[in-house]
Amino acid sequence: MVKCPYCSRPAMSLARKAGLGPGRTINCQSCGKPVTTHSMAVFAAIPAFLGGLAALKSGSVLIGGTAIAGGVLAMAFIQTFLVPLVRSDA
Protein backbone atom coordinates (compact mmCIF):
# COMPACT_ATOMS: atom_id res chain seq x y z
CA MET A 1 0.00 0.00 0.00
CA VAL A 2 1.05 3.55 -0.72
CA LYS A 3 0.86 6.20 2.02
CA CYS A 4 -1.38 9.23 1.57
CA PRO A 5 0.41 12.61 1.71
CA TYR A 6 -2.51 13.98 3.77
CA CYS A 7 -3.29 11.33 6.38
CA SER A 8 -0.27 8.96 6.09
CA ARG A 9 -2.64 5.99 5.93
CA PRO A 10 -2.93 3.63 2.94
CA ALA A 11 -4.07 5.64 -0.09
CA MET A 12 -4.15 2.90 -2.75
CA SER A 13 -2.62 -0.41 -3.75
CA LEU A 14 0.71 -0.64 -5.55
CA ALA A 15 -1.04 -1.97 -8.65
CA ARG A 16 -3.33 1.05 -8.75
CA LYS A 17 -0.38 3.43 -8.32
CA ALA A 18 1.43 1.78 -11.22
CA GLY A 19 -1.34 3.01 -13.52
CA LEU A 20 -1.54 6.49 -12.03
CA GLY A 21 -0.01 9.14 -14.25
CA PRO A 22 0.96 12.75 -13.58
CA GLY A 23 -2.26 14.15 -15.07
CA ARG A 24 -4.59 11.82 -13.20
CA THR A 25 -6.01 12.35 -9.70
CA ILE A 26 -7.45 9.64 -7.45
CA ASN A 27 -9.08 10.03 -4.05
CA CYS A 28 -7.30 8.43 -1.10
CA GLN A 29 -9.19 5.34 -0.01
CA SER A 30 -8.61 6.25 3.66
CA CYS A 31 -9.43 9.98 3.89
CA GLY A 32 -10.98 10.66 0.47
CA LYS A 33 -8.73 13.62 -0.37
CA PRO A 34 -7.34 13.89 -3.93
CA VAL A 35 -3.80 12.63 -4.54
CA THR A 36 -1.69 12.42 -7.67
CA THR A 37 1.87 11.55 -8.60
CA HIS A 38 4.70 14.06 -8.56
CA SER A 39 5.24 15.90 -11.85
CA MET A 40 8.53 14.04 -12.34
CA ALA A 41 6.39 11.01 -13.22
CA VAL A 42 6.54 12.07 -16.87
CA PHE A 43 10.14 10.84 -16.87
CA ALA A 44 8.97 7.33 -15.90
CA ALA A 45 7.83 6.93 -19.52
CA ILE A 46 11.39 7.18 -20.88
CA PRO A 47 12.07 3.40 -20.68
CA ALA A 48 8.86 2.64 -22.60
CA PHE A 49 9.78 5.22 -25.23
CA LEU A 50 13.28 3.76 -25.57
CA GLY A 51 11.81 0.26 -25.84
CA GLY A 52 9.57 1.40 -28.66
CA LEU A 53 12.49 3.08 -30.38
CA ALA A 54 14.55 -0.10 -30.09
CA ALA A 55 11.63 -2.07 -31.52
CA LEU A 56 11.48 0.23 -34.54
CA LYS A 57 15.23 -0.06 -35.12
CA SER A 58 15.44 -3.83 -34.71
CA GLY A 59 14.73 -6.14 -37.58
CA SER A 60 13.26 -8.80 -35.34
CA VAL A 61 9.72 -9.02 -34.00
CA LEU A 62 10.98 -11.01 -30.99
CA ILE A 63 13.65 -8.46 -30.07
CA GLY A 64 11.25 -5.57 -30.67
CA GLY A 65 8.50 -7.10 -28.56
CA THR A 66 10.96 -7.86 -25.79
CA ALA A 67 12.24 -4.27 -25.87
CA ILE A 68 8.71 -2.88 -25.61
CA ALA A 69 7.74 -5.27 -22.81
CA GLY A 70 10.94 -4.47 -20.90
CA GLY A 71 10.36 -0.75 -21.31
CA VAL A 72 6.78 -0.94 -20.09
CA LEU A 73 7.81 -3.07 -17.09
CA ALA A 74 10.60 -0.61 -16.21
CA MET A 75 8.12 2.27 -16.50
CA ALA A 76 5.67 0.53 -14.15
CA PHE A 77 8.47 -0.18 -11.65
CA ILE A 78 9.60 3.46 -11.66
CA GLN A 79 6.03 4.73 -11.37
CA THR A 80 5.24 2.35 -8.51
CA PHE A 81 8.35 2.52 -6.35
CA LEU A 82 10.22 5.74 -7.18
CA VAL A 83 7.60 8.39 -7.97
CA PRO A 84 5.99 9.78 -4.79
CA LEU A 85 2.36 10.67 -4.23
CA VAL A 86 1.62 14.34 -3.63
CA ARG A 87 -1.38 16.41 -2.62
CA SER A 88 -3.57 17.41 -5.51
CA ASP A 89 -4.92 20.93 -5.80
CA ALA A 90 -7.66 19.82 -8.20
PDB file of N, CA and C in Angstrom:
ATOM      1  N   MET A   1       0.829  -1.188   0.000  1.00  0.00           N
ATOM      2  CA  MET A   1       0.000   0.000   0.000  1.00  0.00           C
ATOM      3  C   MET A   1       0.874   1.254   0.000  1.00  0.00           C
ATOM      4  N   VAL A   2       0.347   2.290  -0.599  1.00  0.00           N
ATOM      5  CA  VAL A   2       1.053   3.554  -0.725  1.00  0.00           C
ATOM      6  C   VAL A   2       0.462   4.542   0.279  1.00  0.00           C
ATOM      7  N   LYS A   3       1.331   5.261   0.997  1.00  0.00           N
ATOM      8  CA  LYS A   3       0.859   6.198   2.019  1.00  0.00           C
ATOM      9  C   LYS A   3       0.329   7.485   1.401  1.00  0.00           C
ATOM     10  N   CYS A   4      -0.752   7.971   1.987  1.00  0.00           N
ATOM     11  CA  CYS A   4      -1.379   9.226   1.570  1.00  0.00           C
ATOM     12  C   CYS A   4      -0.548  10.408   2.079  1.00  0.00           C
ATOM     13  N   PRO A   5      -0.332  11.437   1.246  1.00  0.00           N
ATOM     14  CA  PRO A   5       0.410  12.610   1.708  1.00  0.00           C
ATOM     15  C   PRO A   5      -0.390  13.478   2.698  1.00  0.00           C
ATOM     16  N   TYR A   6      -1.682  13.243   2.815  1.00  0.00           N
ATOM     17  CA  TYR A   6      -2.512  13.979   3.775  1.00  0.00           C
ATOM     18  C   TYR A   6      -2.555  13.282   5.132  1.00  0.00           C
ATOM     19  N   CYS A   7      -3.001  12.027   5.123  1.00  0.00           N
ATOM     20  CA  CYS A   7      -3.291  11.330   6.381  1.00  0.00           C
ATOM     21  C   CYS A   7      -2.255  10.269   6.760  1.00  0.00           C
ATOM     22  N   SER A   8      -1.329   9.968   5.883  1.00  0.00           N
ATOM     23  CA  SER A   8      -0.274   8.959   6.092  1.00  0.00           C
ATOM     24  C   SER A   8      -0.813   7.547   6.257  1.00  0.00           C
ATOM     25  N   ARG A   9      -2.068   7.331   5.930  1.00  0.00           N
ATOM     26  CA  ARG A   9      -2.640   5.989   5.933  1.00  0.00           C
ATOM     27  C   ARG A   9      -2.609   5.453   4.507  1.00  0.00           C
ATOM     28  N   PRO A  10      -2.952   4.189   4.293  1.00  0.00           N
ATOM     29  CA  PRO A  10      -2.931   3.625   2.938  1.00  0.00           C
ATOM     30  C   PRO A  10      -3.859   4.379   1.983  1.00  0.00           C
ATOM     31  N   ALA A  11      -3.289   4.872   0.885  1.00  0.00           N
ATOM     32  CA  ALA A  11      -4.068   5.636  -0.094  1.00  0.00           C
ATOM     33  C   ALA A  11      -4.584   4.753  -1.218  1.00  0.00           C
ATOM     34  N   MET A  12      -3.775   3.777  -1.638  1.00  0.00           N
ATOM     35  CA  MET A  12      -4.147   2.898  -2.751  1.00  0.00           C
ATOM     36  C   MET A  12      -3.169   1.739  -2.801  1.00  0.00           C
ATOM     37  N   SER A  13      -3.499   0.738  -3.584  1.00  0.00           N
ATOM     38  CA  SER A  13      -2.622  -0.414  -3.747  1.00  0.00           C
ATOM     39  C   SER A  13      -1.473  -0.055  -4.685  1.00  0.00           C
ATOM     40  N   LEU A  14      -0.426  -0.856  -4.651  1.00  0.00           N
ATOM     41  CA  LEU A  14       0.710  -0.638  -5.551  1.00  0.00           C
ATOM     42  C   LEU A  14       0.297  -0.805  -7.008  1.00  0.00           C
ATOM     43  N   ALA A  15      -0.580  -1.748  -7.282  1.00  0.00           N
ATOM     44  CA  ALA A  15      -1.042  -1.967  -8.654  1.00  0.00           C
ATOM     45  C   ALA A  15      -1.803  -0.754  -9.172  1.00  0.00           C
ATOM     46  N   ARG A  16      -2.587  -0.137  -8.324  1.00  0.00           N
ATOM     47  CA  ARG A  16      -3.333   1.050  -8.749  1.00  0.00           C
ATOM     48  C   ARG A  16      -2.385   2.230  -8.977  1.00  0.00           C
ATOM     49  N   LYS A  17      -1.353   2.340  -8.159  1.00  0.00           N
ATOM     50  CA  LYS A  17      -0.384   3.431  -8.316  1.00  0.00           C
ATOM     51  C   LYS A  17       0.420   3.258  -9.598  1.00  0.00           C
ATOM     52  N   ALA A  18       0.670   2.025  -9.999  1.00  0.00           N
ATOM     53  CA  ALA A  18       1.427   1.775 -11.225  1.00  0.00           C
ATOM     54  C   ALA A  18       0.721   2.372 -12.436  1.00  0.00           C
ATOM     55  N   GLY A  19      -0.583   2.451 -12.409  1.00  0.00           N
ATOM     56  CA  GLY A  19      -1.335   3.007 -13.518  1.00  0.00           C
ATOM     57  C   GLY A  19      -1.686   4.472 -13.364  1.00  0.00           C
ATOM     58  N   LEU A  20      -1.242   5.085 -12.286  1.00  0.00           N
ATOM     59  CA  LEU A  20      -1.545   6.488 -12.028  1.00  0.00           C
ATOM     60  C   LEU A  20      -0.498   7.366 -12.693  1.00  0.00           C
ATOM     61  N   GLY A  21      -0.935   8.250 -13.554  1.00  0.00           N
ATOM     62  CA  GLY A  21      -0.011   9.137 -14.246  1.00  0.00           C
ATOM     63  C   GLY A  21      -0.027  10.535 -13.665  1.00  0.00           C
ATOM     64  N   PRO A  22       0.852  11.407 -14.146  1.00  0.00           N
ATOM     65  CA  PRO A  22       0.958  12.751 -13.583  1.00  0.00           C
ATOM     66  C   PRO A  22      -0.264  13.637 -13.829  1.00  0.00           C
ATOM     67  N   GLY A  23      -1.077  13.338 -14.799  1.00  0.00           N
ATOM     68  CA  GLY A  23      -2.256  14.152 -15.067  1.00  0.00           C
ATOM     69  C   GLY A  23      -3.526  13.595 -14.468  1.00  0.00           C
ATOM     70  N   ARG A  24      -3.415  12.526 -13.719  1.00  0.00           N
ATOM     71  CA  ARG A  24      -4.588  11.824 -13.196  1.00  0.00           C
ATOM     72  C   ARG A  24      -4.639  11.951 -11.676  1.00  0.00           C
ATOM     73  N   THR A  25      -5.815  12.206 -11.144  1.00  0.00           N
ATOM     74  CA  THR A  25      -6.009  12.347  -9.702  1.00  0.00           C
ATOM     75  C   THR A  25      -6.958  11.263  -9.216  1.00  0.00           C
ATOM     76  N   ILE A  26      -6.615  10.669  -8.072  1.00  0.00           N
ATOM     77  CA  ILE A  26      -7.449   9.638  -7.447  1.00  0.00           C
ATOM     78  C   ILE A  26      -7.656  10.036  -5.992  1.00  0.00           C
ATOM     79  N   ASN A  27      -8.821   9.756  -5.461  1.00  0.00           N
ATOM     80  CA  ASN A  27      -9.079  10.034  -4.051  1.00  0.00           C
ATOM     81  C   ASN A  27      -8.457   8.955  -3.183  1.00  0.00           C
ATOM     82  N   CYS A  28      -7.866   9.369  -2.081  1.00  0.00           N
ATOM     83  CA  CYS A  28      -7.300   8.435  -1.104  1.00  0.00           C
ATOM     84  C   CYS A  28      -8.414   7.541  -0.583  1.00  0.00           C
ATOM     85  N   GLN A  29      -8.143   6.245  -0.483  1.00  0.00           N
ATOM     86  CA  GLN A  29      -9.185   5.336  -0.007  1.00  0.00           C
ATOM     87  C   GLN A  29      -9.374   5.422   1.503  1.00  0.00           C
ATOM     88  N   SER A  30      -8.460   6.086   2.210  1.00  0.00           N
ATOM     89  CA  SER A  30      -8.615   6.248   3.658  1.00  0.00           C
ATOM     90  C   SER A  30      -9.324   7.547   4.041  1.00  0.00           C
ATOM     91  N   CYS A  31      -8.858   8.689   3.491  1.00  0.00           N
ATOM     92  CA  CYS A  31      -9.429   9.977   3.891  1.00  0.00           C
ATOM     93  C   CYS A  31     -10.272  10.628   2.801  1.00  0.00           C
ATOM     94  N   GLY A  32     -10.177  10.146   1.562  1.00  0.00           N
ATOM     95  CA  GLY A  32     -10.985  10.664   0.473  1.00  0.00           C
ATOM     96  C   GLY A  32     -10.447  11.916  -0.197  1.00  0.00           C
ATOM     97  N   LYS A  33      -9.291  12.406   0.229  1.00  0.00           N
ATOM     98  CA  LYS A  33      -8.730  13.620  -0.373  1.00  0.00           C
ATOM     99  C   LYS A  33      -8.004  13.260  -1.674  1.00  0.00           C
ATOM    100  N   PRO A  34      -7.961  14.191  -2.635  1.00  0.00           N
ATOM    101  CA  PRO A  34      -7.344  13.895  -3.928  1.00  0.00           C
ATOM    102  C   PRO A  34      -5.822  13.846  -3.871  1.00  0.00           C
ATOM    103  N   VAL A  35      -5.256  12.791  -4.448  1.00  0.00           N
ATOM    104  CA  VAL A  35      -3.804  12.633  -4.545  1.00  0.00           C
ATOM    105  C   VAL A  35      -3.431  12.344  -5.988  1.00  0.00           C
ATOM    106  N   THR A  36      -2.213  12.674  -6.338  1.00  0.00           N
ATOM    107  CA  THR A  36      -1.688  12.418  -7.671  1.00  0.00           C
ATOM    108  C   THR A  36      -0.206  12.111  -7.542  1.00  0.00           C
ATOM    109  N   THR A  37       0.436  11.799  -8.646  1.00  0.00           N
ATOM    110  CA  THR A  37       1.873  11.555  -8.601  1.00  0.00           C
ATOM    111  C   THR A  37       2.616  12.863  -8.820  1.00  0.00           C
ATOM    112  N   HIS A  38       3.840  12.894  -8.380  1.00  0.00           N
ATOM    113  CA  HIS A  38       4.698  14.063  -8.560  1.00  0.00           C
ATOM    114  C   HIS A  38       4.877  14.312 -10.057  1.00  0.00           C
ATOM    115  N   SER A  39       5.113  15.555 -10.426  1.00  0.00           N
ATOM    116  CA  SER A  39       5.236  15.899 -11.846  1.00  0.00           C
ATOM    117  C   SER A  39       6.424  15.222 -12.526  1.00  0.00           C
ATOM    118  N   MET A  40       7.400  14.755 -11.743  1.00  0.00           N
ATOM    119  CA  MET A  40       8.534  14.041 -12.340  1.00  0.00           C
ATOM    120  C   MET A  40       8.124  12.680 -12.903  1.00  0.00           C
ATOM    121  N   ALA A  41       6.875  12.293 -12.709  1.00  0.00           N
ATOM    122  CA  ALA A  41       6.389  11.012 -13.218  1.00  0.00           C
ATOM    123  C   ALA A  41       6.417  10.941 -14.741  1.00  0.00           C
ATOM    124  N   VAL A  42       6.460  12.087 -15.408  1.00  0.00           N
ATOM    125  CA  VAL A  42       6.542  12.065 -16.866  1.00  0.00           C
ATOM    126  C   VAL A  42       7.830  11.390 -17.330  1.00  0.00           C
ATOM    127  N   PHE A  43       8.872  11.463 -16.513  1.00  0.00           N
ATOM    128  CA  PHE A  43      10.144  10.841 -16.868  1.00  0.00           C
ATOM    129  C   PHE A  43      10.113   9.321 -16.723  1.00  0.00           C
ATOM    130  N   ALA A  44       9.111   8.786 -16.036  1.00  0.00           N
ATOM    131  CA  ALA A  44       8.973   7.334 -15.900  1.00  0.00           C
ATOM    132  C   ALA A  44       8.671   6.686 -17.239  1.00  0.00           C
ATOM    133  N   ALA A  45       8.174   7.461 -18.201  1.00  0.00           N
ATOM    134  CA  ALA A  45       7.832   6.926 -19.521  1.00  0.00           C
ATOM    135  C   ALA A  45       9.046   6.761 -20.434  1.00  0.00           C
ATOM    136  N   ILE A  46      10.195   7.260 -20.034  1.00  0.00           N
ATOM    137  CA  ILE A  46      11.393   7.176 -20.883  1.00  0.00           C
ATOM    138  C   ILE A  46      11.747   5.732 -21.237  1.00  0.00           C
ATOM    139  N   PRO A  47      11.749   4.782 -20.290  1.00  0.00           N
ATOM    140  CA  PRO A  47      12.069   3.399 -20.680  1.00  0.00           C
ATOM    141  C   PRO A  47      11.118   2.820 -21.725  1.00  0.00           C
ATOM    142  N   ALA A  48       9.825   3.139 -21.616  1.00  0.00           N
ATOM    143  CA  ALA A  48       8.863   2.636 -22.603  1.00  0.00           C
ATOM    144  C   ALA A  48       9.127   3.260 -23.964  1.00  0.00           C
ATOM    145  N   PHE A  49       9.442   4.546 -23.979  1.00  0.00           N
ATOM    146  CA  PHE A  49       9.778   5.223 -25.229  1.00  0.00           C
ATOM    147  C   PHE A  49      11.028   4.605 -25.857  1.00  0.00           C
ATOM    148  N   LEU A  50      12.052   4.361 -25.048  1.00  0.00           N
ATOM    149  CA  LEU A  50      13.280   3.757 -25.573  1.00  0.00           C
ATOM    150  C   LEU A  50      13.040   2.328 -26.055  1.00  0.00           C
ATOM    151  N   GLY A  51      12.163   1.602 -25.383  1.00  0.00           N
ATOM    152  CA  GLY A  51      11.811   0.257 -25.837  1.00  0.00           C
ATOM    153  C   GLY A  51      11.118   0.289 -27.182  1.00  0.00           C
ATOM    154  N   GLY A  52      10.230   1.250 -27.370  1.00  0.00           N
ATOM    155  CA  GLY A  52       9.568   1.404 -28.663  1.00  0.00           C
ATOM    156  C   GLY A  52      10.537   1.800 -29.757  1.00  0.00           C
ATOM    157  N   LEU A  53      11.467   2.665 -29.417  1.00  0.00           N
ATOM    158  CA  LEU A  53      12.491   3.083 -30.381  1.00  0.00           C
ATOM    159  C   LEU A  53      13.372   1.899 -30.776  1.00  0.00           C
ATOM    160  N   ALA A  54      13.753   1.093 -29.800  1.00  0.00           N
ATOM    161  CA  ALA A  54      14.552  -0.100 -30.085  1.00  0.00           C
ATOM    162  C   ALA A  54      13.767  -1.082 -30.956  1.00  0.00           C
ATOM    163  N   ALA A  55      12.470  -1.172 -30.710  1.00  0.00           N
ATOM    164  CA  ALA A  55      11.630  -2.066 -31.523  1.00  0.00           C
ATOM    165  C   ALA A  55      11.579  -1.604 -32.967  1.00  0.00           C
ATOM    166  N   LEU A  56      11.510  -0.294 -33.170  1.00  0.00           N
ATOM    167  CA  LEU A  56      11.481   0.230 -34.535  1.00  0.00           C
ATOM    168  C   LEU A  56      12.805   0.005 -35.257  1.00  0.00           C
ATOM    169  N   LYS A  57      13.896   0.080 -34.522  1.00  0.00           N
ATOM    170  CA  LYS A  57      15.226  -0.058 -35.122  1.00  0.00           C
ATOM    171  C   LYS A  57      15.620  -1.517 -35.356  1.00  0.00           C
ATOM    172  N   SER A  58      15.054  -2.426 -34.565  1.00  0.00           N
ATOM    173  CA  SER A  58      15.436  -3.832 -34.709  1.00  0.00           C
ATOM    174  C   SER A  58      14.723  -4.447 -35.913  1.00  0.00           C
ATOM    175  N   GLY A  59      15.334  -5.442 -36.459  1.00  0.00           N
ATOM    176  CA  GLY A  59      14.726  -6.135 -37.579  1.00  0.00           C
ATOM    177  C   GLY A  59      13.946  -7.367 -37.155  1.00  0.00           C
ATOM    178  N   SER A  60      13.877  -7.591 -35.856  1.00  0.00           N
ATOM    179  CA  SER A  60      13.257  -8.805 -35.340  1.00  0.00           C
ATOM    180  C   SER A  60      12.016  -8.471 -34.523  1.00  0.00           C
ATOM    181  N   VAL A  61      10.949  -9.207 -34.767  1.00  0.00           N
ATOM    182  CA  VAL A  61       9.719  -9.020 -33.996  1.00  0.00           C
ATOM    183  C   VAL A  61       9.950  -9.445 -32.547  1.00  0.00           C
ATOM    184  N   LEU A  62      10.708 -10.517 -32.339  1.00  0.00           N
ATOM    185  CA  LEU A  62      10.978 -11.008 -30.991  1.00  0.00           C
ATOM    186  C   LEU A  62      11.785  -9.995 -30.188  1.00  0.00           C
ATOM    187  N   ILE A  63      12.830  -9.450 -30.769  1.00  0.00           N
ATOM    188  CA  ILE A  63      13.654  -8.457 -30.069  1.00  0.00           C
ATOM    189  C   ILE A  63      12.842  -7.186 -29.829  1.00  0.00           C
ATOM    190  N   GLY A  64      12.076  -6.757 -30.821  1.00  0.00           N
ATOM    191  CA  GLY A  64      11.251  -5.567 -30.671  1.00  0.00           C
ATOM    192  C   GLY A  64      10.197  -5.717 -29.599  1.00  0.00           C
ATOM    193  N   GLY A  65       9.524  -6.842 -29.590  1.00  0.00           N
ATOM    194  CA  GLY A  65       8.503  -7.100 -28.564  1.00  0.00           C
ATOM    195  C   GLY A  65       9.097  -7.176 -27.172  1.00  0.00           C
ATOM    196  N   THR A  66      10.276  -7.778 -27.079  1.00  0.00           N
ATOM    197  CA  THR A  66      10.961  -7.861 -25.789  1.00  0.00           C
ATOM    198  C   THR A  66      11.372  -6.472 -25.311  1.00  0.00           C
ATOM    199  N   ALA A  67      11.841  -5.633 -26.227  1.00  0.00           N
ATOM    200  CA  ALA A  67      12.238  -4.270 -25.867  1.00  0.00           C
ATOM    201  C   ALA A  67      11.042  -3.464 -25.371  1.00  0.00           C
ATOM    202  N   ILE A  68       9.918  -3.595 -26.041  1.00  0.00           N
ATOM    203  CA  ILE A  68       8.711  -2.881 -25.614  1.00  0.00           C
ATOM    204  C   ILE A  68       8.245  -3.382 -24.251  1.00  0.00           C
ATOM    205  N   ALA A  69       8.186  -4.698 -24.085  1.00  0.00           N
ATOM    206  CA  ALA A  69       7.743  -5.270 -22.808  1.00  0.00           C
ATOM    207  C   ALA A  69       8.673  -4.857 -21.670  1.00  0.00           C
ATOM    208  N   GLY A  70       9.972  -4.887 -21.919  1.00  0.00           N
ATOM    209  CA  GLY A  70      10.936  -4.468 -20.899  1.00  0.00           C
ATOM    210  C   GLY A  70      10.785  -2.995 -20.549  1.00  0.00           C
ATOM    211  N   GLY A  71      10.554  -2.170 -21.551  1.00  0.00           N
ATOM    212  CA  GLY A  71      10.364  -0.746 -21.308  1.00  0.00           C
ATOM    213  C   GLY A  71       9.114  -0.448 -20.503  1.00  0.00           C
ATOM    214  N   VAL A  72       8.041  -1.147 -20.825  1.00  0.00           N
ATOM    215  CA  VAL A  72       6.783  -0.943 -20.090  1.00  0.00           C
ATOM    216  C   VAL A  72       6.927  -1.441 -18.650  1.00  0.00           C
ATOM    217  N   LEU A  73       7.589  -2.571 -18.447  1.00  0.00           N
ATOM    218  CA  LEU A  73       7.812  -3.073 -17.086  1.00  0.00           C
ATOM    219  C   LEU A  73       8.687  -2.122 -16.275  1.00  0.00           C
ATOM    220  N   ALA A  74       9.730  -1.577 -16.899  1.00  0.00           N
ATOM    221  CA  ALA A  74      10.597  -0.610 -16.214  1.00  0.00           C
ATOM    222  C   ALA A  74       9.808   0.651 -15.860  1.00  0.00           C
ATOM    223  N   MET A  75       8.949   1.095 -16.763  1.00  0.00           N
ATOM    224  CA  MET A  75       8.120   2.269 -16.502  1.00  0.00           C
ATOM    225  C   MET A  75       7.191   2.017 -15.309  1.00  0.00           C
ATOM    226  N   ALA A  76       6.566   0.859 -15.266  1.00  0.00           N
ATOM    227  CA  ALA A  76       5.671   0.525 -14.153  1.00  0.00           C
ATOM    228  C   ALA A  76       6.432   0.449 -12.833  1.00  0.00           C
ATOM    229  N   PHE A  77       7.646  -0.097 -12.859  1.00  0.00           N
ATOM    230  CA  PHE A  77       8.470  -0.179 -11.647  1.00  0.00           C
ATOM    231  C   PHE A  77       8.808   1.219 -11.136  1.00  0.00           C
ATOM    232  N   ILE A  78       9.249   2.091 -12.044  1.00  0.00           N
ATOM    233  CA  ILE A  78       9.600   3.461 -11.658  1.00  0.00           C
ATOM    234  C   ILE A  78       8.378   4.180 -11.107  1.00  0.00           C
ATOM    235  N   GLN A  79       7.260   4.059 -11.797  1.00  0.00           N
ATOM    236  CA  GLN A  79       6.029   4.727 -11.371  1.00  0.00           C
ATOM    237  C   GLN A  79       5.580   4.228 -10.003  1.00  0.00           C
ATOM    238  N   THR A  80       5.727   2.942  -9.756  1.00  0.00           N
ATOM    239  CA  THR A  80       5.239   2.352  -8.515  1.00  0.00           C
ATOM    240  C   THR A  80       6.142   2.639  -7.330  1.00  0.00           C
ATOM    241  N   PHE A  81       7.447   2.479  -7.502  1.00  0.00           N
ATOM    242  CA  PHE A  81       8.347   2.517  -6.354  1.00  0.00           C
ATOM    243  C   PHE A  81       9.192   3.783  -6.219  1.00  0.00           C
ATOM    244  N   LEU A  82       9.340   4.573  -7.261  1.00  0.00           N
ATOM    245  CA  LEU A  82      10.219   5.741  -7.178  1.00  0.00           C
ATOM    246  C   LEU A  82       9.492   7.084  -7.221  1.00  0.00           C
ATOM    247  N   VAL A  83       8.332   7.129  -7.846  1.00  0.00           N
ATOM    248  CA  VAL A  83       7.603   8.390  -7.966  1.00  0.00           C
ATOM    249  C   VAL A  83       6.667   8.539  -6.762  1.00  0.00           C
ATOM    250  N   PRO A  84       6.824   9.625  -5.995  1.00  0.00           N
ATOM    251  CA  PRO A  84       5.988   9.783  -4.793  1.00  0.00           C
ATOM    252  C   PRO A  84       4.594  10.320  -5.092  1.00  0.00           C
ATOM    253  N   LEU A  85       3.680  10.056  -4.177  1.00  0.00           N
ATOM    254  CA  LEU A  85       2.360  10.667  -4.234  1.00  0.00           C
ATOM    255  C   LEU A  85       2.439  12.056  -3.609  1.00  0.00           C
ATOM    256  N   VAL A  86       1.670  12.979  -4.159  1.00  0.00           N
ATOM    257  CA  VAL A  86       1.623  14.345  -3.630  1.00  0.00           C
ATOM    258  C   VAL A  86       0.164  14.764  -3.501  1.00  0.00           C
ATOM    259  N   ARG A  87      -0.030  15.837  -2.774  1.00  0.00           N
ATOM    260  CA  ARG A  87      -1.377  16.406  -2.619  1.00  0.00           C
ATOM    261  C   ARG A  87      -1.799  17.017  -3.948  1.00  0.00           C
ATOM    262  N   SER A  88      -3.047  16.843  -4.281  1.00  0.00           N
ATOM    263  CA  SER A  88      -3.573  17.413  -5.507  1.00  0.00           C
ATOM    264  C   SER A  88      -4.380  18.663  -5.187  1.00  0.00           C
ATOM    265  N   ASP A  89      -4.177  19.693  -5.992  1.00  0.00           N
ATOM    266  CA  ASP A  89      -4.917  20.934  -5.803  1.00  0.00           C
ATOM    267  C   ASP A  89      -6.194  20.968  -6.619  1.00  0.00           C
ATOM    268  N   ALA A  90      -6.471  19.873  -7.326  1.00  0.00           N
ATOM    269  CA  ALA A  90      -7.657  19.824  -8.196  1.00  0.00           C
ATOM    270  C   ALA A  90      -8.932  19.691  -7.421  1.00  0.00           C
TER     271      ALA A  90
END
